[in-house]
Amino acid sequence: MKKSAKPRTLNEIRQTKEYGYKPPVAKKKTKERPLAEWEKKLGKPKKQDWAYSDTKVKKPRGIEIDGHKIPDPKLHQQISFIKSGIRILGYACIPFSLFWATAFLILSEVVGIIEELV
């Protein structure tokens, strides 16, 4: 009679070797922010200490860079939409009444001047 073969384990069938093999280990990610180097050079911004806790400071509308006032973009956009609506209304009035068309177009120009002052 023929001797039956020794049953092989699954690892032997797959021919995997467990000795001498180390799976790759992922590097630990650091949570460094992109601007961290600049912040280290410049230092953290200082908090302002006020004499009284109930003191309220009004934030200026708009941003100031090198002494030049930059308009508030959101308010500028809203006023621009209002101006455009008045202008469209003025052009729509041209076939019906030149008086009202002129009045709306002049009003849109006044709103345009206000828009530039924001």
PDB file of N, CA and C in Angstrom:
ATOM      1  N   MET A   1       0.809  -1.176   0.000  1.00  0.00           N
ATOM      2  CA  MET A   1       0.000   0.000   0.000  1.00  0.00           C
ATOM      3  C   MET A   1       0.853   1.238   0.000  1.00  0.00           C
ATOM      4  N   LYS A   2       0.311   2.233  -0.613  1.00  0.00           N
ATOM      5  CA  LYS A   2       1.022   3.501  -0.729  1.00  0.00           C
ATOM      6  C   LYS A   2       0.701   4.355   0.478  1.00  0.00           C
ATOM      7  N   LYS A   3       1.729   4.971   1.024  1.00  0.00           N
ATOM      8  CA  LYS A   3       1.556   5.852   2.167  1.00  0.00           C
ATOM      9  C   LYS A   3       0.950   7.173   1.698  1.00  0.00           C
ATOM     10  N   SER A   4      -0.034   7.663   2.415  1.00  0.00           N
ATOM     11  CA  SER A   4      -0.640   8.946   2.022  1.00  0.00           C
ATOM     12  C   SER A   4       0.274  10.088   2.443  1.00  0.00           C
ATOM     13  N   ALA A   5       0.188  11.164   1.673  1.00  0.00           N
ATOM     14  CA  ALA A   5       1.032  12.331   1.946  1.00  0.00           C
ATOM     15  C   ALA A   5       0.545  13.042   3.203  1.00  0.00           C
ATOM     16  N   LYS A   6       1.505  13.685   3.877  1.00  0.00           N
ATOM     17  CA  LYS A   6       1.193  14.442   5.091  1.00  0.00           C
ATOM     18  C   LYS A   6       0.327  15.634   4.708  1.00  0.00           C
ATOM     19  N   PRO A   7      -0.767  15.863   5.410  1.00  0.00           N
ATOM     20  CA  PRO A   7      -1.592  17.029   5.076  1.00  0.00           C
ATOM     21  C   PRO A   7      -0.824  18.331   5.350  1.00  0.00           C
ATOM     22  N   ARG A   8      -0.861  19.224   4.367  1.00  0.00           N
ATOM     23  CA  ARG A   8      -0.126  20.479   4.511  1.00  0.00           C
ATOM     24  C   ARG A   8      -1.042  21.557   5.098  1.00  0.00           C
ATOM     25  N   THR A   9      -0.408  22.481   5.817  1.00  0.00           N
ATOM     26  CA  THR A   9      -1.168  23.597   6.380  1.00  0.00           C
ATOM     27  C   THR A   9      -1.406  24.633   5.293  1.00  0.00           C
ATOM     28  N   LEU A  10      -2.289  25.586   5.593  1.00  0.00           N
ATOM     29  CA  LEU A  10      -2.608  26.631   4.622  1.00  0.00           C
ATOM     30  C   LEU A  10      -1.380  27.477   4.299  1.00  0.00           C
ATOM     31  N   ASN A  11      -0.550  27.772   5.315  1.00  0.00           N
ATOM     32  CA  ASN A  11       0.663  28.555   5.082  1.00  0.00           C
ATOM     33  C   ASN A  11       1.638  27.808   4.181  1.00  0.00           C
ATOM     34  N   GLU A  12       1.707  26.492   4.332  1.00  0.00           N
ATOM     35  CA  GLU A  12       2.590  25.714   3.463  1.00  0.00           C
ATOM     36  C   GLU A  12       2.066  25.728   2.037  1.00  0.00           C
ATOM     37  N   ILE A  13       0.751  25.700   1.896  1.00  0.00           N
ATOM     38  CA  ILE A  13       0.180  25.749   0.553  1.00  0.00           C
ATOM     39  C   ILE A  13       0.469  27.104  -0.091  1.00  0.00           C
ATOM     40  N   ARG A  14       0.315  28.167   0.678  1.00  0.00           N
ATOM     41  CA  ARG A  14       0.575  29.514   0.152  1.00  0.00           C
ATOM     42  C   ARG A  14       2.069  29.805   0.047  1.00  0.00           C
ATOM     43  N   GLN A  15       2.872  29.003   0.661  1.00  0.00           N
ATOM     44  CA  GLN A  15       4.319  29.146   0.686  1.00  0.00           C
ATOM     45  C   GLN A  15       4.738  30.460   1.324  1.00  0.00           C
ATOM     46  N   THR A  16       4.112  30.773   2.423  1.00  0.00           N
ATOM     47  CA  THR A  16       4.507  31.975   3.143  1.00  0.00           C
ATOM     48  C   THR A  16       5.574  31.623   4.155  1.00  0.00           C
ATOM     49  N   LYS A  17       6.457  32.523   4.361  1.00  0.00           N
ATOM     50  CA  LYS A  17       7.518  32.303   5.330  1.00  0.00           C
ATOM     51  C   LYS A  17       7.310  33.294   6.462  1.00  0.00           C
ATOM     52  N   GLU A  18       7.253  32.796   7.645  1.00  0.00           N
ATOM     53  CA  GLU A  18       7.017  33.661   8.791  1.00  0.00           C
ATOM     54  C   GLU A  18       8.308  34.138   9.436  1.00  0.00           C
ATOM     55  N   TYR A  19       9.405  33.578   9.099  1.00  0.00           N
ATOM     56  CA  TYR A  19      10.651  33.965   9.758  1.00  0.00           C
ATOM     57  C   TYR A  19      11.377  35.023   8.918  1.00  0.00           C
ATOM     58  N   GLY A  20      11.991  35.964   9.575  1.00  0.00           N
ATOM     59  CA  GLY A  20      12.807  36.980   8.915  1.00  0.00           C
ATOM     60  C   GLY A  20      12.029  38.065   8.183  1.00  0.00           C
ATOM     61  N   TYR A  21      10.720  38.036   8.212  1.00  0.00           N
ATOM     62  CA  TYR A  21       9.942  39.033   7.480  1.00  0.00           C
ATOM     63  C   TYR A  21       9.296  39.988   8.459  1.00  0.00           C
ATOM     64  N   LYS A  22       9.467  41.283   8.189  1.00  0.00           N
ATOM     65  CA  LYS A  22       8.810  42.308   8.997  1.00  0.00           C
ATOM     66  C   LYS A  22       7.949  43.153   8.069  1.00  0.00           C
ATOM     67  N   PRO A  23       6.671  43.252   8.363  1.00  0.00           N
ATOM     68  CA  PRO A  23       5.817  44.069   7.496  1.00  0.00           C
ATOM     69  C   PRO A  23       6.208  45.540   7.611  1.00  0.00           C
ATOM     70  N   PRO A  24       5.987  46.327   6.542  1.00  0.00           N
ATOM     71  CA  PRO A  24       6.330  47.753   6.598  1.00  0.00           C
ATOM     72  C   PRO A  24       5.466  48.480   7.620  1.00  0.00           C
ATOM     73  N   VAL A  25       6.104  49.409   8.320  1.00  0.00           N
ATOM     74  CA  VAL A  25       5.407  50.188   9.342  1.00  0.00           C
ATOM     75  C   VAL A  25       5.241  51.607   8.818  1.00  0.00           C
ATOM     76  N   ALA A  26       4.034  52.124   8.894  1.00  0.00           N
ATOM     77  CA  ALA A  26       3.768  53.488   8.431  1.00  0.00           C
ATOM     78  C   ALA A  26       4.450  54.482   9.357  1.00  0.00           C
ATOM     79  N   LYS A  27       4.994  55.539   8.747  1.00  0.00           N
ATOM     80  CA  LYS A  27       5.635  56.582   9.551  1.00  0.00           C
ATOM     81  C   LYS A  27       4.571  57.354  10.305  1.00  0.00           C
ATOM     82  N   LYS A  28       4.924  57.769  11.485  1.00  0.00           N
ATOM     83  CA  LYS A  28       4.005  58.542  12.296  1.00  0.00           C
ATOM     84  C   LYS A  28       3.929  59.957  11.732  1.00  0.00           C
ATOM     85  N   LYS A  29       2.727  60.390  11.430  1.00  0.00           N
ATOM     86  CA  LYS A  29       2.548  61.731  10.862  1.00  0.00           C
ATOM     87  C   LYS A  29       2.559  62.758  11.974  1.00  0.00           C
ATOM     88  N   THR A  30       3.252  63.856  11.697  1.00  0.00           N
ATOM     89  CA  THR A  30       3.245  64.955  12.655  1.00  0.00           C
ATOM     90  C   THR A  30       2.144  65.913  12.254  1.00  0.00           C
ATOM     91  N   LYS A  31       1.566  66.537  13.218  1.00  0.00           N
ATOM     92  CA  LYS A  31       0.475  67.474  12.951  1.00  0.00           C
ATOM     93  C   LYS A  31       0.995  68.899  12.870  1.00  0.00           C
ATOM     94  N   GLU A  32       2.050  69.114  12.118  1.00  0.00           N
ATOM     95  CA  GLU A  32       2.602  70.453  11.992  1.00  0.00           C
ATOM     96  C   GLU A  32       1.846  71.195  10.899  1.00  0.00           C
ATOM     97  N   ARG A  33       1.424  72.386  11.231  1.00  0.00           N
ATOM     98  CA  ARG A  33       0.675  73.182  10.278  1.00  0.00           C
ATOM     99  C   ARG A  33       1.647  73.817   9.285  1.00  0.00           C
ATOM    100  N   PRO A  34       1.164  74.145   8.078  1.00  0.00           N
ATOM    101  CA  PRO A  34       2.061  74.699   7.064  1.00  0.00           C
ATOM    102  C   PRO A  34       2.715  76.019   7.471  1.00  0.00           C
ATOM    103  N   LEU A  35       2.028  76.816   8.248  1.00  0.00           N
ATOM    104  CA  LEU A  35       2.583  78.120   8.622  1.00  0.00           C
ATOM    105  C   LEU A  35       3.308  78.088   9.964  1.00  0.00           C
ATOM    106  N   ALA A  36       3.545  76.916  10.487  1.00  0.00           N
ATOM    107  CA  ALA A  36       4.154  76.811  11.815  1.00  0.00           C
ATOM    108  C   ALA A  36       5.529  77.464  11.850  1.00  0.00           C
ATOM    109  N   GLU A  37       6.317  77.312  10.765  1.00  0.00           N
ATOM    110  CA  GLU A  37       7.657  77.916  10.744  1.00  0.00           C
ATOM    111  C   GLU A  37       7.570  79.439  10.833  1.00  0.00           C
ATOM    112  N   TRP A  38       6.658  80.025  10.065  1.00  0.00           N
ATOM    113  CA  TRP A  38       6.503  81.482  10.092  1.00  0.00           C
ATOM    114  C   TRP A  38       6.053  81.952  11.472  1.00  0.00           C
ATOM    115  N   GLU A  39       5.137  81.201  12.066  1.00  0.00           N
ATOM    116  CA  GLU A  39       4.666  81.586  13.393  1.00  0.00           C
ATOM    117  C   GLU A  39       5.792  81.527  14.410  1.00  0.00           C
ATOM    118  N   LYS A  40       6.674  80.557  14.262  1.00  0.00           N
ATOM    119  CA  LYS A  40       7.811  80.464  15.184  1.00  0.00           C
ATOM    120  C   LYS A  40       8.723  81.680  15.022  1.00  0.00           C
ATOM    121  N   LYS A  41       8.943  82.103  13.766  1.00  0.00           N
ATOM    122  CA  LYS A  41       9.818  83.253  13.515  1.00  0.00           C
ATOM    123  C   LYS A  41       9.185  84.552  14.018  1.00  0.00           C
ATOM    124  N   LEU A  42       7.875  84.724  13.741  1.00  0.00           N
ATOM    125  CA  LEU A  42       7.207  85.973  14.075  1.00  0.00           C
ATOM    126  C   LEU A  42       6.751  86.035  15.525  1.00  0.00           C
ATOM    127  N   GLY A  43       6.530  84.906  16.137  1.00  0.00           N
ATOM    128  CA  GLY A  43       6.012  84.886  17.503  1.00  0.00           C
ATOM    129  C   GLY A  43       4.499  84.946  17.490  1.00  0.00           C
ATOM    130  N   LYS A  44       3.902  84.595  18.590  1.00  0.00           N
ATOM    131  CA  LYS A  44       2.441  84.602  18.678  1.00  0.00           C
ATOM    132  C   LYS A  44       1.945  86.033  18.858  1.00  0.00           C
ATOM    133  N   PRO A  45       0.762  86.349  18.287  1.00  0.00           N
ATOM    134  CA  PRO A  45       0.215  87.693  18.490  1.00  0.00           C
ATOM    135  C   PRO A  45      -0.144  87.905  19.956  1.00  0.00           C
ATOM    136  N   LYS A  46       0.096  89.103  20.403  1.00  0.00           N
ATOM    137  CA  LYS A  46      -0.172  89.432  21.806  1.00  0.00           C
ATOM    138  C   LYS A  46      -1.632  89.816  21.992  1.00  0.00           C
ATOM    139  N   LYS A  47      -2.221  89.350  23.067  1.00  0.00           N
ATOM    140  CA  LYS A  47      -3.578  89.761  23.396  1.00  0.00           C
ATOM    141  C   LYS A  47      -3.507  91.112  24.093  1.00  0.00           C
ATOM    142  N   GLN A  48      -4.461  91.961  23.764  1.00  0.00           N
ATOM    143  CA  GLN A  48      -4.463  93.281  24.370  1.00  0.00           C
ATOM    144  C   GLN A  48      -5.164  93.222  25.714  1.00  0.00           C
ATOM    145  N   ASP A  49      -4.522  93.780  26.693  1.00  0.00           N
ATOM    146  CA  ASP A  49      -5.120  93.847  28.023  1.00  0.00           C
ATOM    147  C   ASP A  49      -5.816  95.194  28.171  1.00  0.00           C
ATOM    148  N   TRP A  50      -7.066  95.147  28.574  1.00  0.00           N
ATOM    149  CA  TRP A  50      -7.823  96.364  28.756  1.00  0.00           C
ATOM    150  C   TRP A  50      -7.943  96.671  30.245  1.00  0.00           C
ATOM    151  N   ALA A  51      -8.085  97.947  30.526  1.00  0.00           N
ATOM    152  CA  ALA A  51      -8.156  98.373  31.917  1.00  0.00           C
ATOM    153  C   ALA A  51      -9.427  97.888  32.593  1.00  0.00           C
ATOM    154  N   TYR A  52     -10.517  97.831  31.863  1.00  0.00           N
ATOM    155  CA  TYR A  52     -11.800  97.433  32.427  1.00  0.00           C
ATOM    156  C   TYR A  52     -12.373  96.264  31.639  1.00  0.00           C
ATOM    157  N   SER A  53     -13.002  95.351  32.343  1.00  0.00           N
ATOM    158  CA  SER A  53     -13.537  94.176  31.670  1.00  0.00           C
ATOM    159  C   SER A  53     -14.772  94.492  30.828  1.00  0.00           C
ATOM    160  N   ASP A  54     -15.470  95.578  31.134  1.00  0.00           N
ATOM    161  CA  ASP A  54     -16.672  95.919  30.377  1.00  0.00           C
ATOM    162  C   ASP A  54     -16.375  96.819  29.168  1.00  0.00           C
ATOM    163  N   THR A  55     -15.105  97.068  28.883  1.00  0.00           N
ATOM    164  CA  THR A  55     -14.734  97.909  27.752  1.00  0.00           C
ATOM    165  C   THR A  55     -15.011  97.158  26.458  1.00  0.00           C
ATOM    166  N   LYS A  56     -15.740  97.806  25.558  1.00  0.00           N
ATOM    167  CA  LYS A  56     -16.023  97.212  24.264  1.00  0.00           C
ATOM    168  C   LYS A  56     -15.267  97.989  23.192  1.00  0.00           C
ATOM    169  N   VAL A  57     -14.647  97.257  22.313  1.00  0.00           N
ATOM    170  CA  VAL A  57     -13.878  97.879  21.247  1.00  0.00           C
ATOM    171  C   VAL A  57     -14.608  97.653  19.943  1.00  0.00           C
ATOM    172  N   LYS A  58     -14.875  98.719  19.222  1.00  0.00           N
ATOM    173  CA  LYS A  58     -15.549  98.602  17.939  1.00  0.00           C
ATOM    174  C   LYS A  58     -14.527  98.189  16.892  1.00  0.00           C
ATOM    175  N   LYS A  59     -14.894  97.174  16.133  1.00  0.00           N
ATOM    176  CA  LYS A  59     -14.013  96.745  15.050  1.00  0.00           C
ATOM    177  C   LYS A  59     -14.258  97.655  13.858  1.00  0.00           C
ATOM    178  N   PRO A  60     -13.181  98.114  13.240  1.00  0.00           N
ATOM    179  CA  PRO A  60     -13.370  99.000  12.091  1.00  0.00           C
ATOM    180  C   PRO A  60     -13.966  98.239  10.918  1.00  0.00           C
ATOM    181  N   ARG A  61     -14.800  98.926  10.148  1.00  0.00           N
ATOM    182  CA  ARG A  61     -15.357  98.318   8.948  1.00  0.00           C
ATOM    183  C   ARG A  61     -14.292  98.369   7.877  1.00  0.00           C
ATOM    184  N   GLY A  62     -13.940  97.243   7.364  1.00  0.00           N
ATOM    185  CA  GLY A  62     -12.901  97.184   6.342  1.00  0.00           C
ATOM    186  C   GLY A  62     -11.557  96.895   6.971  1.00  0.00           C
ATOM    187  N   ILE A  63     -10.609  96.643   6.133  1.00  0.00           N
ATOM    188  CA  ILE A  63      -9.264  96.281   6.562  1.00  0.00           C
ATOM    189  C   ILE A  63      -8.326  97.414   6.183  1.00  0.00           C
ATOM    190  N   GLU A  64      -7.322  97.632   7.011  1.00  0.00           N
ATOM    191  CA  GLU A  64      -6.349  98.677   6.712  1.00  0.00           C
ATOM    192  C   GLU A  64      -4.984  98.034   6.532  1.00  0.00           C
ATOM    193  N   ILE A  65      -4.380  98.229   5.351  1.00  0.00           N
ATOM    194  CA  ILE A  65      -3.059  97.690   5.059  1.00  0.00           C
ATOM    195  C   ILE A  65      -2.178  98.838   4.624  1.00  0.00           C
ATOM    196  N   ASP A  66      -1.055  99.014   5.319  1.00  0.00           N
ATOM    197  CA  ASP A  66      -0.097 100.094   5.033  1.00  0.00           C
ATOM    198  C   ASP A  66      -0.772 101.451   4.963  1.00  0.00           C
ATOM    199  N   GLY A  67      -1.734 101.678   5.829  1.00  0.00           N
ATOM    200  CA  GLY A  67      -2.409 102.967   5.889  1.00  0.00           C
ATOM    201  C   GLY A  67      -3.502 103.148   4.856  1.00  0.00           C
ATOM    202  N   HIS A  68      -3.732 102.152   3.988  1.00  0.00           N
ATOM    203  CA  HIS A  68      -4.772 102.246   2.975  1.00  0.00           C
ATOM    204  C   HIS A  68      -5.960 101.412   3.411  1.00  0.00           C
ATOM    205  N   LYS A  69      -7.144 102.025   3.364  1.00  0.00           N
ATOM    206  CA  LYS A  69      -8.355 101.316   3.770  1.00  0.00           C
ATOM    207  C   LYS A  69      -8.838 100.436   2.627  1.00  0.00           C
ATOM    208  N   ILE A  70      -9.054  99.168   2.941  1.00  0.00           N
ATOM    209  CA  ILE A  70      -9.582  98.225   1.963  1.00  0.00           C
ATOM    210  C   ILE A  70     -11.037  97.983   2.325  1.00  0.00           C
ATOM    211  N   PRO A  71     -11.958  98.090   1.358  1.00  0.00           N
ATOM    212  CA  PRO A  71     -13.386  97.992   1.683  1.00  0.00           C
ATOM    213  C   PRO A  71     -13.782  96.608   2.170  1.00  0.00           C
ATOM    214  N   ASP A  72     -14.870  96.586   2.933  1.00  0.00           N
ATOM    215  CA  ASP A  72     -15.442  95.331   3.403  1.00  0.00           C
ATOM    216  C   ASP A  72     -16.042  94.619   2.186  1.00  0.00           C
ATOM    217  N   PRO A  73     -15.523  93.449   1.807  1.00  0.00           N
ATOM    218  CA  PRO A  73     -15.971  92.818   0.559  1.00  0.00           C
ATOM    219  C   PRO A  73     -17.451  92.424   0.557  1.00  0.00           C
ATOM    220  N   LYS A  74     -17.959  91.968   1.687  1.00  0.00           N
ATOM    221  CA  LYS A  74     -19.362  91.518   1.727  1.00  0.00           C
ATOM    222  C   LYS A  74     -20.317  92.702   1.548  1.00  0.00           C
ATOM    223  N   LEU A  75     -20.062  93.796   2.279  1.00  0.00           N
ATOM    224  CA  LEU A  75     -20.918  94.980   2.160  1.00  0.00           C
ATOM    225  C   LEU A  75     -20.812  95.585   0.762  1.00  0.00           C
ATOM    226  N   HIS A  76     -19.600  95.590   0.212  1.00  0.00           N
ATOM    227  CA  HIS A  76     -19.381  96.119  -1.137  1.00  0.00           C
ATOM    228  C   HIS A  76     -20.195  95.307  -2.148  1.00  0.00           C
ATOM    229  N   GLN A  77     -20.220  93.991  -1.995  1.00  0.00           N
ATOM    230  CA  GLN A  77     -20.975  93.129  -2.898  1.00  0.00           C
ATOM    231  C   GLN A  77     -22.473  93.379  -2.784  1.00  0.00           C
ATOM    232  N   GLN A  78     -22.971  93.518  -1.558  1.00  0.00           N
ATOM    233  CA  GLN A  78     -24.402  93.759  -1.366  1.00  0.00           C
ATOM    234  C   GLN A  78     -24.835  95.075  -1.999  1.00  0.00           C
ATOM    235  N   ILE A  79     -24.058  96.116  -1.786  1.00  0.00           N
ATOM    236  CA  ILE A  79     -24.397  97.419  -2.375  1.00  0.00           C
ATOM    237  C   ILE A  79     -24.320  97.348  -3.898  1.00  0.00           C
ATOM    238  N   SER A  80     -23.362  96.583  -4.419  1.00  0.00           N
ATOM    239  CA  SER A  80     -23.236  96.431  -5.866  1.00  0.00           C
ATOM    240  C   SER A  80     -24.464  95.737  -6.457  1.00  0.00           C
ATOM    241  N   PHE A  81     -24.998  94.727  -5.749  1.00  0.00           N
ATOM    242  CA  PHE A  81     -26.203  94.051  -6.229  1.00  0.00           C
ATOM    243  C   PHE A  81     -27.395  95.002  -6.222  1.00  0.00           C
ATOM    244  N   ILE A  82     -27.507  95.824  -5.193  1.00  0.00           N
ATOM    245  CA  ILE A  82     -28.594  96.812  -5.119  1.00  0.00           C
ATOM    246  C   ILE A  82     -28.479  97.797  -6.278  1.00  0.00           C
ATOM    247  N   LYS A  83     -27.261  98.268  -6.525  1.00  0.00           N
ATOM    248  CA  LYS A  83     -27.029  99.215  -7.620  1.00  0.00           C
ATOM    249  C   LYS A  83     -27.406  98.596  -8.961  1.00  0.00           C
ATOM    250  N   SER A  84     -27.023  97.330  -9.158  1.00  0.00           N
ATOM    251  CA  SER A  84     -27.339  96.661 -10.425  1.00  0.00           C
ATOM    252  C   SER A  84     -28.854  96.489 -10.590  1.00  0.00           C
ATOM    253  N   GLY A  85     -29.546  96.173  -9.499  1.00  0.00           N
ATOM    254  CA  GLY A  85     -31.004  96.039  -9.565  1.00  0.00           C
ATOM    255  C   GLY A  85     -31.673  97.348  -9.942  1.00  0.00           C
ATOM    256  N   ILE A  86     -31.205  98.457  -9.359  1.00  0.00           N
ATOM    257  CA  ILE A  86     -31.775  99.776  -9.677  1.00  0.00           C
ATOM    258  C   ILE A  86     -31.483 100.126 -11.133  1.00  0.00           C
ATOM    259  N   ARG A  87     -30.282  99.785 -11.594  1.00  0.00           N
ATOM    260  CA  ARG A  87     -29.908 100.082 -12.977  1.00  0.00           C
ATOM    261  C   ARG A  87     -30.771  99.282 -13.963  1.00  0.00           C
ATOM    262  N   ILE A  88     -31.001  97.997 -13.660  1.00  0.00           N
ATOM    263  CA  ILE A  88     -31.856  97.174 -14.528  1.00  0.00           C
ATOM    264  C   ILE A  88     -33.275  97.744 -14.562  1.00  0.00           C
ATOM    265  N   LEU A  89     -33.768  98.170 -13.394  1.00  0.00           N
ATOM    266  CA  LEU A  89     -35.092  98.783 -13.328  1.00  0.00           C
ATOM    267  C   LEU A  89     -35.139 100.059 -14.176  1.00  0.00           C
ATOM    268  N   GLY A  90     -34.062 100.841 -14.129  1.00  0.00           N
ATOM    269  CA  GLY A  90     -34.003 102.063 -14.937  1.00  0.00           C
ATOM    270  C   GLY A  90     -34.036 101.779 -16.424  1.00  0.00           C
ATOM    271  N   TYR A  91     -33.269 100.778 -16.881  1.00  0.00           N
ATOM    272  CA  TYR A  91     -33.278 100.426 -18.306  1.00  0.00           C
ATOM    273  C   TYR A  91     -34.622  99.831 -18.724  1.00  0.00           C
ATOM    274  N   ALA A  92     -35.281  99.118 -17.818  1.00  0.00           N
ATOM    275  CA  ALA A  92     -36.591  98.549 -18.143  1.00  0.00           C
ATOM    276  C   ALA A  92     -37.652  99.634 -18.279  1.00  0.00           C
ATOM    277  N   CYS A  93     -37.457 100.790 -17.621  1.00  0.00           N
ATOM    278  CA  CYS A  93     -38.431 101.884 -17.681  1.00  0.00           C
ATOM    279  C   CYS A  93     -38.299 102.746 -18.937  1.00  0.00           C
ATOM    280  N   ILE A  94     -37.228 102.597 -19.707  1.00  0.00           N
ATOM    281  CA  ILE A  94     -36.991 103.455 -20.879  1.00  0.00           C
ATOM    282  C   ILE A  94     -38.165 103.436 -21.862  1.00  0.00           C
ATOM    283  N   PRO A  95     -38.712 102.275 -22.237  1.00  0.00           N
ATOM    284  CA  PRO A  95     -39.811 102.314 -23.221  1.00  0.00           C
ATOM    285  C   PRO A  95     -41.098 102.945 -22.691  1.00  0.00           C
ATOM    286  N   PHE A  96     -41.262 103.001 -21.370  1.00  0.00           N
ATOM    287  CA  PHE A  96     -42.516 103.477 -20.806  1.00  0.00           C
ATOM    288  C   PHE A  96     -42.463 104.935 -20.369  1.00  0.00           C
ATOM    289  N   SER A  97     -41.371 105.327 -19.695  1.00  0.00           N
ATOM    290  CA  SER A  97     -41.289 106.700 -19.200  1.00  0.00           C
ATOM    291  C   SER A  97     -39.813 107.101 -19.086  1.00  0.00           C
ATOM    292  N   LEU A  98     -39.445 108.092 -19.888  1.00  0.00           N
ATOM    293  CA  LEU A  98     -38.056 108.549 -19.838  1.00  0.00           C
ATOM    294  C   LEU A  98     -37.743 109.242 -18.511  1.00  0.00           C
ATOM    295  N   PHE A  99     -38.745 109.864 -17.908  1.00  0.00           N
ATOM    296  CA  PHE A  99     -38.531 110.532 -16.632  1.00  0.00           C
ATOM    297  C   PHE A  99     -38.111 109.529 -15.562  1.00  0.00           C
ATOM    298  N   TRP A 100     -38.900 108.444 -15.413  1.00  0.00           N
ATOM    299  CA  TRP A 100     -38.582 107.452 -14.377  1.00  0.00           C
ATOM    300  C   TRP A 100     -37.288 106.696 -14.704  1.00  0.00           C
ATOM    301  N   ALA A 101     -37.051 106.446 -15.988  1.00  0.00           N
ATOM    302  CA  ALA A 101     -35.814 105.770 -16.379  1.00  0.00           C
ATOM    303  C   ALA A 101     -34.603 106.612 -15.977  1.00  0.00           C
ATOM    304  N   THR A 102     -34.688 107.920 -16.247  1.00  0.00           N
ATOM    305  CA  THR A 102     -33.598 108.824 -15.884  1.00  0.00           C
ATOM    306  C   THR A 102     -33.424 108.879 -14.366  1.00  0.00           C
ATOM    307  N   ALA A 103     -34.531 108.933 -13.648  1.00  0.00           N
ATOM    308  CA  ALA A 103     -34.465 108.998 -12.185  1.00  0.00           C
ATOM    309  C   ALA A 103     -33.791 107.746 -11.611  1.00  0.00           C
ATOM    310  N   PHE A 104     -34.167 106.563 -12.112  1.00  0.00           N
ATOM    311  CA  PHE A 104     -33.568 105.322 -11.611  1.00  0.00           C
ATOM    312  C   PHE A 104     -32.084 105.220 -11.976  1.00  0.00           C
ATOM    313  N   LEU A 105     -31.725 105.672 -13.179  1.00  0.00           N
ATOM    314  CA  LEU A 105     -30.318 105.592 -13.579  1.00  0.00           C
ATOM    315  C   LEU A 105     -29.462 106.566 -12.774  1.00  0.00           C
ATOM    316  N   ILE A 106     -29.999 107.745 -12.473  1.00  0.00           N
ATOM    317  CA  ILE A 106     -29.258 108.691 -11.624  1.00  0.00           C
ATOM    318  C   ILE A 106     -29.131 108.122 -10.213  1.00  0.00           C
ATOM    319  N   LEU A 107     -30.213 107.523  -9.717  1.00  0.00           N
ATOM    320  CA  LEU A 107     -30.171 106.903  -8.388  1.00  0.00           C
ATOM    321  C   LEU A 107     -29.132 105.780  -8.340  1.00  0.00           C
ATOM    322  N   SER A 108     -29.028 104.993  -9.411  1.00  0.00           N
ATOM    323  CA  SER A 108     -28.029 103.915  -9.424  1.00  0.00           C
ATOM    324  C   SER A 108     -26.612 104.473  -9.394  1.00  0.00           C
ATOM    325  N   GLU A 109     -26.397 105.627 -10.013  1.00  0.00           N
ATOM    326  CA  GLU A 109     -25.069 106.248  -9.962  1.00  0.00           C
ATOM    327  C   GLU A 109     -24.753 106.764  -8.554  1.00  0.00           C
ATOM    328  N   VAL A 110     -25.756 107.285  -7.856  1.00  0.00           N
ATOM    329  CA  VAL A 110     -25.558 107.734  -6.471  1.00  0.00           C
ATOM    330  C   VAL A 110     -25.205 106.540  -5.586  1.00  0.00           C
ATOM    331  N   VAL A 111     -25.906 105.428  -5.790  1.00  0.00           N
ATOM    332  CA  VAL A 111     -25.600 104.207  -5.034  1.00  0.00           C
ATOM    333  C   VAL A 111     -24.195 103.723  -5.386  1.00  0.00           C
ATOM    334  N   GLY A 112     -23.767 103.898  -6.642  1.00  0.00           N
ATOM    335  CA  GLY A 112     -22.409 103.525  -7.061  1.00  0.00           C
ATOM    336  C   GLY A 112     -21.343 104.334  -6.338  1.00  0.00           C
ATOM    337  N   ILE A 113     -21.635 105.626  -6.108  1.00  0.00           N
ATOM    338  CA  ILE A 113     -20.690 106.463  -5.357  1.00  0.00           C
ATOM    339  C   ILE A 113     -20.621 105.988  -3.915  1.00  0.00           C
ATOM    340  N   ILE A 114     -21.765 105.667  -3.333  1.00  0.00           N
ATOM    341  CA  ILE A 114     -21.793 105.150  -1.958  1.00  0.00           C
ATOM    342  C   ILE A 114     -21.029 103.824  -1.880  1.00  0.00           C
ATOM    343  N   GLU A 115     -21.163 103.002  -2.927  1.00  0.00           N
ATOM    344  CA  GLU A 115     -20.466 101.714  -2.965  1.00  0.00           C
ATOM    345  C   GLU A 115     -18.948 101.906  -2.904  1.00  0.00           C
ATOM    346  N   GLU A 116     -18.452 102.910  -3.599  1.00  0.00           N
ATOM    347  CA  GLU A 116     -17.011 103.156  -3.596  1.00  0.00           C
ATOM    348  C   GLU A 116     -16.512 103.727  -2.269  1.00  0.00           C
ATOM    349  N   LEU A 117     -17.393 104.351  -1.504  1.00  0.00           N
ATOM    350  CA  LEU A 117     -16.992 104.922  -0.210  1.00  0.00           C
ATOM    351  C   LEU A 117     -17.002 103.919   0.924  1.00  0.00           C
ATOM    352  N   VAL A 118     -17.586 102.752   0.690  1.00  0.00           N
ATOM    353  CA  VAL A 118     -17.687 101.733   1.755  1.00  0.00           C
ATOM    354  C   VAL A 118     -16.317 101.158   2.049  1.00  0.00           C
TER     355      VAL A 118
END
